[in-house]
Amino acid sequence: MIKYVFFDLDGTIADTEEIIVKSFQHIHEKFNSKIPDKKEIVSTFGEPLKNTLEREFKDYDYKDVVDEYRNHHRNIFYDYLKLHEGAIDIIKYLHSDNKTLGIVTSRLRETAVEILEIFDIKKYFKTIVTIDDTEKHKPDPEPLLKALEDVSGVKDESIYIGDTKYDIECAKNTGIKSVLVGWSHHAEEKEKVEPDYTIMKFSELIKIINEN
């Protein structure tokens, strides 16, 4: 029986795609004098920001680039931030069904908590594991292992819902079931990602959890 349900944040619960894409476009234009297409930017979603910036802006000082990214991100944050359809309903339902909920994200703690507080859903999560809380990051199992430890969870009774290959690989490396959301760009390559389940809407989670 599934008792512990962990969610990724960006792209899974929160629709932050435009914020992230526009922030990347901004720094590429500023430092590289060119703007990659959206598909190229989206392909990096899920990996730690530091990894992406150090690879794509290796000729520049990391602090200069990350500061510019985060400043632009902050400036447009409230203009584009929203939740994916059905997110609040499934969170409330699972909490009322006595499931233990957690967030496992590669986002900074400050803005991760801010997103949850803006939509008044932080109170439903027993643990929030961010990039600030672990030495290693997705797809390494450390973030999910920390979340399990925080809630005294059991792998066989746990499931992780995410939108990128890094989320699915993290779940596999941890030894728990995985769900890929169908609105993800990675859903187009689900045969390569190989999640245990794929959903097209959050309500489909109920059946998956009840059958496990």
C-alpha atoms as a PDB file:
ATOM      1  CA  MET A   1       0.000   0.000   0.000  1.00  0.00           C
ATOM      2  CA  ILE A   2       1.301   3.445  -0.913  1.00  0.00           C
ATOM      3  CA  LYS A   3       1.535   5.621   2.196  1.00  0.00           C
ATOM      4  CA  TYR A   4       4.229   8.104   1.171  1.00  0.00           C
ATOM      5  CA  VAL A   5       3.780  10.342  -1.872  1.00  0.00           C
ATOM      6  CA  PHE A   6       6.603  12.614  -2.989  1.00  0.00           C
ATOM      7  CA  PHE A   7       6.272  15.312  -5.646  1.00  0.00           C
ATOM      8  CA  ASP A   8       8.760  17.249  -7.711  1.00  0.00           C
ATOM      9  CA  LEU A   9       7.869  20.954  -7.790  1.00  0.00           C
ATOM     10  CA  ASP A  10       8.785  22.720 -11.054  1.00  0.00           C
ATOM     11  CA  GLY A  11       6.915  21.270 -13.998  1.00  0.00           C
ATOM     12  CA  THR A  12       4.991  18.849 -11.809  1.00  0.00           C
ATOM     13  CA  ILE A  13       2.994  20.842  -9.263  1.00  0.00           C
ATOM     14  CA  ALA A  14       4.070  24.328 -10.312  1.00  0.00           C
ATOM     15  CA  ASP A  15       3.966  25.530 -13.897  1.00  0.00           C
ATOM     16  CA  THR A  16       7.154  27.593 -13.897  1.00  0.00           C
ATOM     17  CA  GLU A  17       8.215  26.834 -17.457  1.00  0.00           C
ATOM     18  CA  GLU A  18       7.881  30.369 -18.796  1.00  0.00           C
ATOM     19  CA  ILE A  19       9.795  31.815 -15.840  1.00  0.00           C
ATOM     20  CA  ILE A  20      12.695  29.428 -16.347  1.00  0.00           C
ATOM     21  CA  VAL A  21      12.751  29.658 -20.151  1.00  0.00           C
ATOM     22  CA  LYS A  22      12.667  33.450 -20.144  1.00  0.00           C
ATOM     23  CA  SER A  23      15.392  33.592 -17.491  1.00  0.00           C
ATOM     24  CA  PHE A  24      17.649  31.352 -19.588  1.00  0.00           C
ATOM     25  CA  GLN A  25      16.906  33.342 -22.721  1.00  0.00           C
ATOM     26  CA  HIS A  26      17.862  36.506 -20.854  1.00  0.00           C
ATOM     27  CA  ILE A  27      21.276  35.262 -19.739  1.00  0.00           C
ATOM     28  CA  HIS A  28      22.047  33.660 -23.099  1.00  0.00           C
ATOM     29  CA  GLU A  29      21.329  36.962 -24.807  1.00  0.00           C
ATOM     30  CA  LYS A  30      23.411  38.881 -22.279  1.00  0.00           C
ATOM     31  CA  PHE A  31      26.462  36.603 -22.112  1.00  0.00           C
ATOM     32  CA  ASN A  32      26.400  34.523 -25.287  1.00  0.00           C
ATOM     33  CA  SER A  33      24.738  37.054 -27.604  1.00  0.00           C
ATOM     34  CA  LYS A  34      22.383  34.370 -28.856  1.00  0.00           C
ATOM     35  CA  ILE A  35      19.121  32.878 -27.706  1.00  0.00           C
ATOM     36  CA  PRO A  36      18.687  29.096 -27.996  1.00  0.00           C
ATOM     37  CA  ASP A  37      15.267  27.799 -28.947  1.00  0.00           C
ATOM     38  CA  LYS A  38      12.829  26.787 -26.254  1.00  0.00           C
ATOM     39  CA  LYS A  39      13.240  23.063 -26.892  1.00  0.00           C
ATOM     40  CA  GLU A  40      16.971  23.278 -26.221  1.00  0.00           C
ATOM     41  CA  ILE A  41      16.395  25.100 -22.942  1.00  0.00           C
ATOM     42  CA  VAL A  42      13.651  22.730 -21.816  1.00  0.00           C
ATOM     43  CA  SER A  43      15.929  19.740 -22.427  1.00  0.00           C
ATOM     44  CA  THR A  44      18.024  20.874 -19.444  1.00  0.00           C
ATOM     45  CA  PHE A  45      15.068  20.977 -17.061  1.00  0.00           C
ATOM     46  CA  GLY A  46      15.511  18.807 -14.011  1.00  0.00           C
ATOM     47  CA  GLU A  47      19.250  19.014 -13.658  1.00  0.00           C
ATOM     48  CA  PRO A  48      20.725  21.362 -11.023  1.00  0.00           C
ATOM     49  CA  LEU A  49      21.021  24.928 -12.286  1.00  0.00           C
ATOM     50  CA  LYS A  50      24.711  25.002 -11.388  1.00  0.00           C
ATOM     51  CA  ASN A  51      25.430  22.087 -13.720  1.00  0.00           C
ATOM     52  CA  THR A  52      23.666  23.791 -16.634  1.00  0.00           C
ATOM     53  CA  LEU A  53      25.299  27.167 -16.124  1.00  0.00           C
ATOM     54  CA  GLU A  54      28.806  25.811 -15.660  1.00  0.00           C
ATOM     55  CA  ARG A  55      28.466  23.806 -18.875  1.00  0.00           C
ATOM     56  CA  GLU A  56      26.850  26.454 -21.065  1.00  0.00           C
ATOM     57  CA  PHE A  57      28.634  29.537 -19.692  1.00  0.00           C
ATOM     58  CA  LYS A  58      32.057  28.054 -19.012  1.00  0.00           C
ATOM     59  CA  ASP A  59      33.823  31.172 -20.326  1.00  0.00           C
ATOM     60  CA  TYR A  60      32.193  33.398 -17.728  1.00  0.00           C
ATOM     61  CA  ASP A  61      32.351  33.723 -13.964  1.00  0.00           C
ATOM     62  CA  TYR A  62      29.697  31.440 -12.501  1.00  0.00           C
ATOM     63  CA  LYS A  63      28.606  33.958  -9.868  1.00  0.00           C
ATOM     64  CA  ASP A  64      28.012  36.667 -12.475  1.00  0.00           C
ATOM     65  CA  VAL A  65      25.847  34.345 -14.556  1.00  0.00           C
ATOM     66  CA  VAL A  66      23.843  32.820 -11.697  1.00  0.00           C
ATOM     67  CA  ASP A  67      23.216  36.233 -10.138  1.00  0.00           C
ATOM     68  CA  GLU A  68      21.913  37.565 -13.455  1.00  0.00           C
ATOM     69  CA  TYR A  69      19.715  34.481 -13.879  1.00  0.00           C
ATOM     70  CA  ARG A  70      18.252  34.693 -10.383  1.00  0.00           C
ATOM     71  CA  ASN A  71      17.662  38.440 -10.566  1.00  0.00           C
ATOM     72  CA  HIS A  72      15.712  38.082 -13.812  1.00  0.00           C
ATOM     73  CA  HIS A  73      13.912  35.023 -12.448  1.00  0.00           C
ATOM     74  CA  ARG A  74      12.834  37.046  -9.414  1.00  0.00           C
ATOM     75  CA  ASN A  75      11.751  40.044 -11.478  1.00  0.00           C
ATOM     76  CA  ILE A  76       9.288  38.003 -13.572  1.00  0.00           C
ATOM     77  CA  PHE A  77       8.383  35.428 -10.910  1.00  0.00           C
ATOM     78  CA  TYR A  78       4.878  36.658 -10.130  1.00  0.00           C
ATOM     79  CA  ASP A  79       4.050  37.462 -13.756  1.00  0.00           C
ATOM     80  CA  TYR A  80       4.118  33.833 -14.866  1.00  0.00           C
ATOM     81  CA  LEU A  81       3.827  31.632 -11.759  1.00  0.00           C
ATOM     82  CA  LYS A  82       0.853  29.250 -11.633  1.00  0.00           C
ATOM     83  CA  LEU A  83       0.010  25.686 -10.635  1.00  0.00           C
ATOM     84  CA  HIS A  84      -0.817  22.860 -13.001  1.00  0.00           C
ATOM     85  CA  GLU A  85      -4.493  21.999 -13.233  1.00  0.00           C
ATOM     86  CA  GLY A  86      -5.679  19.683 -10.478  1.00  0.00           C
ATOM     87  CA  ALA A  87      -2.567  20.085  -8.325  1.00  0.00           C
ATOM     88  CA  ILE A  88      -4.290  21.583  -5.295  1.00  0.00           C
ATOM     89  CA  ASP A  89      -7.166  19.100  -5.487  1.00  0.00           C
ATOM     90  CA  ILE A  90      -4.902  16.017  -5.519  1.00  0.00           C
ATOM     91  CA  ILE A  91      -2.741  17.376  -2.708  1.00  0.00           C
ATOM     92  CA  LYS A  92      -5.774  18.026  -0.523  1.00  0.00           C
ATOM     93  CA  TYR A  93      -7.301  14.655  -1.403  1.00  0.00           C
ATOM     94  CA  LEU A  94      -4.158  12.666  -0.596  1.00  0.00           C
ATOM     95  CA  HIS A  95      -3.654  14.562   2.649  1.00  0.00           C
ATOM     96  CA  SER A  96      -7.266  13.885   3.685  1.00  0.00           C
ATOM     97  CA  ASP A  97      -6.681  10.203   2.810  1.00  0.00           C
ATOM     98  CA  ASN A  98      -3.890  10.130   5.413  1.00  0.00           C
ATOM     99  CA  LYS A  99      -1.033   9.923   2.922  1.00  0.00           C
ATOM    100  CA  THR A 100       2.256  11.446   4.008  1.00  0.00           C
ATOM    101  CA  LEU A 101       3.306  14.032   1.410  1.00  0.00           C
ATOM    102  CA  GLY A 102       6.694  15.478   0.564  1.00  0.00           C
ATOM    103  CA  ILE A 103       8.405  17.743  -1.948  1.00  0.00           C
ATOM    104  CA  VAL A 104      11.741  16.772  -3.524  1.00  0.00           C
ATOM    105  CA  THR A 105      13.027  19.532  -5.799  1.00  0.00           C
ATOM    106  CA  SER A 106      16.227  20.915  -7.315  1.00  0.00           C
ATOM    107  CA  ARG A 107      14.975  24.437  -6.634  1.00  0.00           C
ATOM    108  CA  LEU A 108      16.456  26.661  -3.896  1.00  0.00           C
ATOM    109  CA  ARG A 109      14.643  26.338  -0.572  1.00  0.00           C
ATOM    110  CA  GLU A 110      13.704  30.026  -0.434  1.00  0.00           C
ATOM    111  CA  THR A 111      11.697  30.065  -3.654  1.00  0.00           C
ATOM    112  CA  ALA A 112      10.408  26.497  -3.273  1.00  0.00           C
ATOM    113  CA  VAL A 113       8.829  27.375   0.056  1.00  0.00           C
ATOM    114  CA  GLU A 114       7.589  30.667  -1.379  1.00  0.00           C
ATOM    115  CA  ILE A 115       5.709  28.876  -4.173  1.00  0.00           C
ATOM    116  CA  LEU A 116       4.047  26.528  -1.691  1.00  0.00           C
ATOM    117  CA  GLU A 117       3.106  29.404   0.598  1.00  0.00           C
ATOM    118  CA  ILE A 118       1.711  31.561  -2.215  1.00  0.00           C
ATOM    119  CA  PHE A 119      -0.819  28.850  -3.017  1.00  0.00           C
ATOM    120  CA  ASP A 120      -1.347  27.925   0.658  1.00  0.00           C
ATOM    121  CA  ILE A 121      -0.276  24.285   0.242  1.00  0.00           C
ATOM    122  CA  LYS A 122       2.931  24.165   2.296  1.00  0.00           C
ATOM    123  CA  LYS A 123       0.934  22.918   5.293  1.00  0.00           C
ATOM    124  CA  TYR A 124       0.133  19.640   3.517  1.00  0.00           C
ATOM    125  CA  PHE A 125       3.777  18.560   3.167  1.00  0.00           C
ATOM    126  CA  LYS A 126       5.640  16.857   5.988  1.00  0.00           C
ATOM    127  CA  THR A 127       9.024  17.357   4.341  1.00  0.00           C
ATOM    128  CA  ILE A 128      10.476  19.690   1.711  1.00  0.00           C
ATOM    129  CA  VAL A 129      13.857  18.614   0.350  1.00  0.00           C
ATOM    130  CA  THR A 130      15.572  21.215  -1.841  1.00  0.00           C
ATOM    131  CA  ILE A 131      18.925  21.553  -3.535  1.00  0.00           C
ATOM    132  CA  ASP A 132      20.163  23.276  -0.368  1.00  0.00           C
ATOM    133  CA  ASP A 133      19.603  20.137   1.708  1.00  0.00           C
ATOM    134  CA  THR A 134      21.824  17.529   0.028  1.00  0.00           C
ATOM    135  CA  GLU A 135      25.361  17.189  -1.267  1.00  0.00           C
ATOM    136  CA  LYS A 136      24.266  15.168  -4.291  1.00  0.00           C
ATOM    137  CA  HIS A 137      21.232  15.884  -6.445  1.00  0.00           C
ATOM    138  CA  LYS A 138      18.827  14.150  -8.815  1.00  0.00           C
ATOM    139  CA  PRO A 139      19.270  11.674 -10.446  1.00  0.00           C
ATOM    140  CA  ASP A 140      21.344  10.581  -7.444  1.00  0.00           C
ATOM    141  CA  PRO A 141      19.037   8.999  -4.825  1.00  0.00           C
ATOM    142  CA  GLU A 142      20.224  11.236  -1.975  1.00  0.00           C
ATOM    143  CA  PRO A 143      17.317  13.760  -2.146  1.00  0.00           C
ATOM    144  CA  LEU A 144      14.638  11.060  -2.070  1.00  0.00           C
ATOM    145  CA  LEU A 145      16.514   9.096   0.577  1.00  0.00           C
ATOM    146  CA  LYS A 146      16.569  12.217   2.745  1.00  0.00           C
ATOM    147  CA  ALA A 147      12.815  12.715   2.215  1.00  0.00           C
ATOM    148  CA  LEU A 148      12.197   9.096   3.214  1.00  0.00           C
ATOM    149  CA  GLU A 149      14.325   9.561   6.304  1.00  0.00           C
ATOM    150  CA  ASP A 150      12.500  12.779   7.222  1.00  0.00           C
ATOM    151  CA  VAL A 151       9.122  11.028   7.259  1.00  0.00           C
ATOM    152  CA  SER A 152      10.353   7.608   8.455  1.00  0.00           C
ATOM    153  CA  GLY A 153       9.074   6.258   5.147  1.00  0.00           C
ATOM    154  CA  VAL A 154       9.369   2.814   3.591  1.00  0.00           C
ATOM    155  CA  LYS A 155      10.542   2.404  -0.017  1.00  0.00           C
ATOM    156  CA  ASP A 156       7.961  -0.259  -0.882  1.00  0.00           C
ATOM    157  CA  GLU A 157       5.212   2.082   0.307  1.00  0.00           C
ATOM    158  CA  SER A 158       6.441   5.153  -1.562  1.00  0.00           C
ATOM    159  CA  ILE A 159       5.999   6.783  -4.961  1.00  0.00           C
ATOM    160  CA  TYR A 160       7.554   9.830  -6.644  1.00  0.00           C
ATOM    161  CA  ILE A 161       5.846  12.019  -9.230  1.00  0.00           C
ATOM    162  CA  GLY A 162       7.980  14.136 -11.559  1.00  0.00           C
ATOM    163  CA  ASP A 163       8.261  15.671 -15.009  1.00  0.00           C
ATOM    164  CA  THR A 164      11.830  14.926 -16.124  1.00  0.00           C
ATOM    165  CA  LYS A 165      14.122  11.984 -16.714  1.00  0.00           C
ATOM    166  CA  TYR A 166      16.105  13.095 -13.677  1.00  0.00           C
ATOM    167  CA  ASP A 167      13.041  12.577 -11.480  1.00  0.00           C
ATOM    168  CA  ILE A 168      12.363   9.107 -12.867  1.00  0.00           C
ATOM    169  CA  GLU A 169      16.009   8.081 -12.598  1.00  0.00           C
ATOM    170  CA  CYS A 170      16.123   9.401  -9.033  1.00  0.00           C
ATOM    171  CA  ALA A 171      13.111   7.254  -8.116  1.00  0.00           C
ATOM    172  CA  LYS A 172      14.662   4.204  -9.767  1.00  0.00           C
ATOM    173  CA  ASN A 173      17.988   4.773  -8.041  1.00  0.00           C
ATOM    174  CA  THR A 174      16.154   5.068  -4.735  1.00  0.00           C
ATOM    175  CA  GLY A 175      14.132   1.917  -5.340  1.00  0.00           C
ATOM    176  CA  ILE A 176      10.653   3.434  -5.303  1.00  0.00           C
ATOM    177  CA  LYS A 177       7.880   3.617  -7.895  1.00  0.00           C
ATOM    178  CA  SER A 178       7.842   6.509 -10.347  1.00  0.00           C
ATOM    179  CA  VAL A 179       5.188   8.519 -12.168  1.00  0.00           C
ATOM    180  CA  LEU A 180       5.888  10.787 -15.153  1.00  0.00           C
ATOM    181  CA  VAL A 181       3.376  13.559 -15.744  1.00  0.00           C
ATOM    182  CA  GLY A 182       2.003  13.548 -19.285  1.00  0.00           C
ATOM    183  CA  TRP A 183       2.233  17.317 -19.743  1.00  0.00           C
ATOM    184  CA  SER A 184       6.012  17.073 -19.472  1.00  0.00           C
ATOM    185  CA  HIS A 185       8.202  17.468 -22.559  1.00  0.00           C
ATOM    186  CA  HIS A 186       9.891  14.242 -21.437  1.00  0.00           C
ATOM    187  CA  ALA A 187       6.583  12.393 -21.779  1.00  0.00           C
ATOM    188  CA  GLU A 188       7.213  12.341 -25.520  1.00  0.00           C
ATOM    189  CA  GLU A 189      10.182  10.067 -24.822  1.00  0.00           C
ATOM    190  CA  LYS A 190       8.642   7.964 -22.061  1.00  0.00           C
ATOM    191  CA  GLU A 191       9.891   4.753 -23.724  1.00  0.00           C
ATOM    192  CA  LYS A 192      13.442   5.980 -23.043  1.00  0.00           C
ATOM    193  CA  VAL A 193      12.643   7.368 -19.596  1.00  0.00           C
ATOM    194  CA  GLU A 194      10.677   4.237 -18.608  1.00  0.00           C
ATOM    195  CA  PRO A 195       8.591   5.427 -15.650  1.00  0.00           C
ATOM    196  CA  ASP A 196       6.418   2.887 -13.837  1.00  0.00           C
ATOM    197  CA  TYR A 197       3.389   5.006 -14.713  1.00  0.00           C
ATOM    198  CA  THR A 198       2.461   8.007 -16.835  1.00  0.00           C
ATOM    199  CA  ILE A 199      -0.517  10.227 -16.027  1.00  0.00           C
ATOM    200  CA  MET A 200      -2.311  12.801 -18.147  1.00  0.00           C
ATOM    201  CA  LYS A 201      -4.086  14.397 -15.190  1.00  0.00           C
ATOM    202  CA  PHE A 202      -3.556  14.360 -11.456  1.00  0.00           C
ATOM    203  CA  SER A 203      -6.793  12.524 -10.688  1.00  0.00           C
ATOM    204  CA  GLU A 204      -5.284   9.404 -12.294  1.00  0.00           C
ATOM    205  CA  LEU A 205      -2.914   9.191  -9.337  1.00  0.00           C
ATOM    206  CA  ILE A 206      -5.731   8.000  -7.101  1.00  0.00           C
ATOM    207  CA  LYS A 207      -6.166   4.728  -8.976  1.00  0.00           C
ATOM    208  CA  ILE A 208      -2.402   4.133  -9.159  1.00  0.00           C
ATOM    209  CA  ILE A 209      -1.996   4.671  -5.426  1.00  0.00           C
ATOM    210  CA  ASN A 210      -5.022   2.560  -4.532  1.00  0.00           C
ATOM    211  CA  GLU A 211      -3.783  -0.338  -6.684  1.00  0.00           C
ATOM    212  CA  ASN A 212      -0.388  -0.338  -4.970  1.00  0.00           C
END
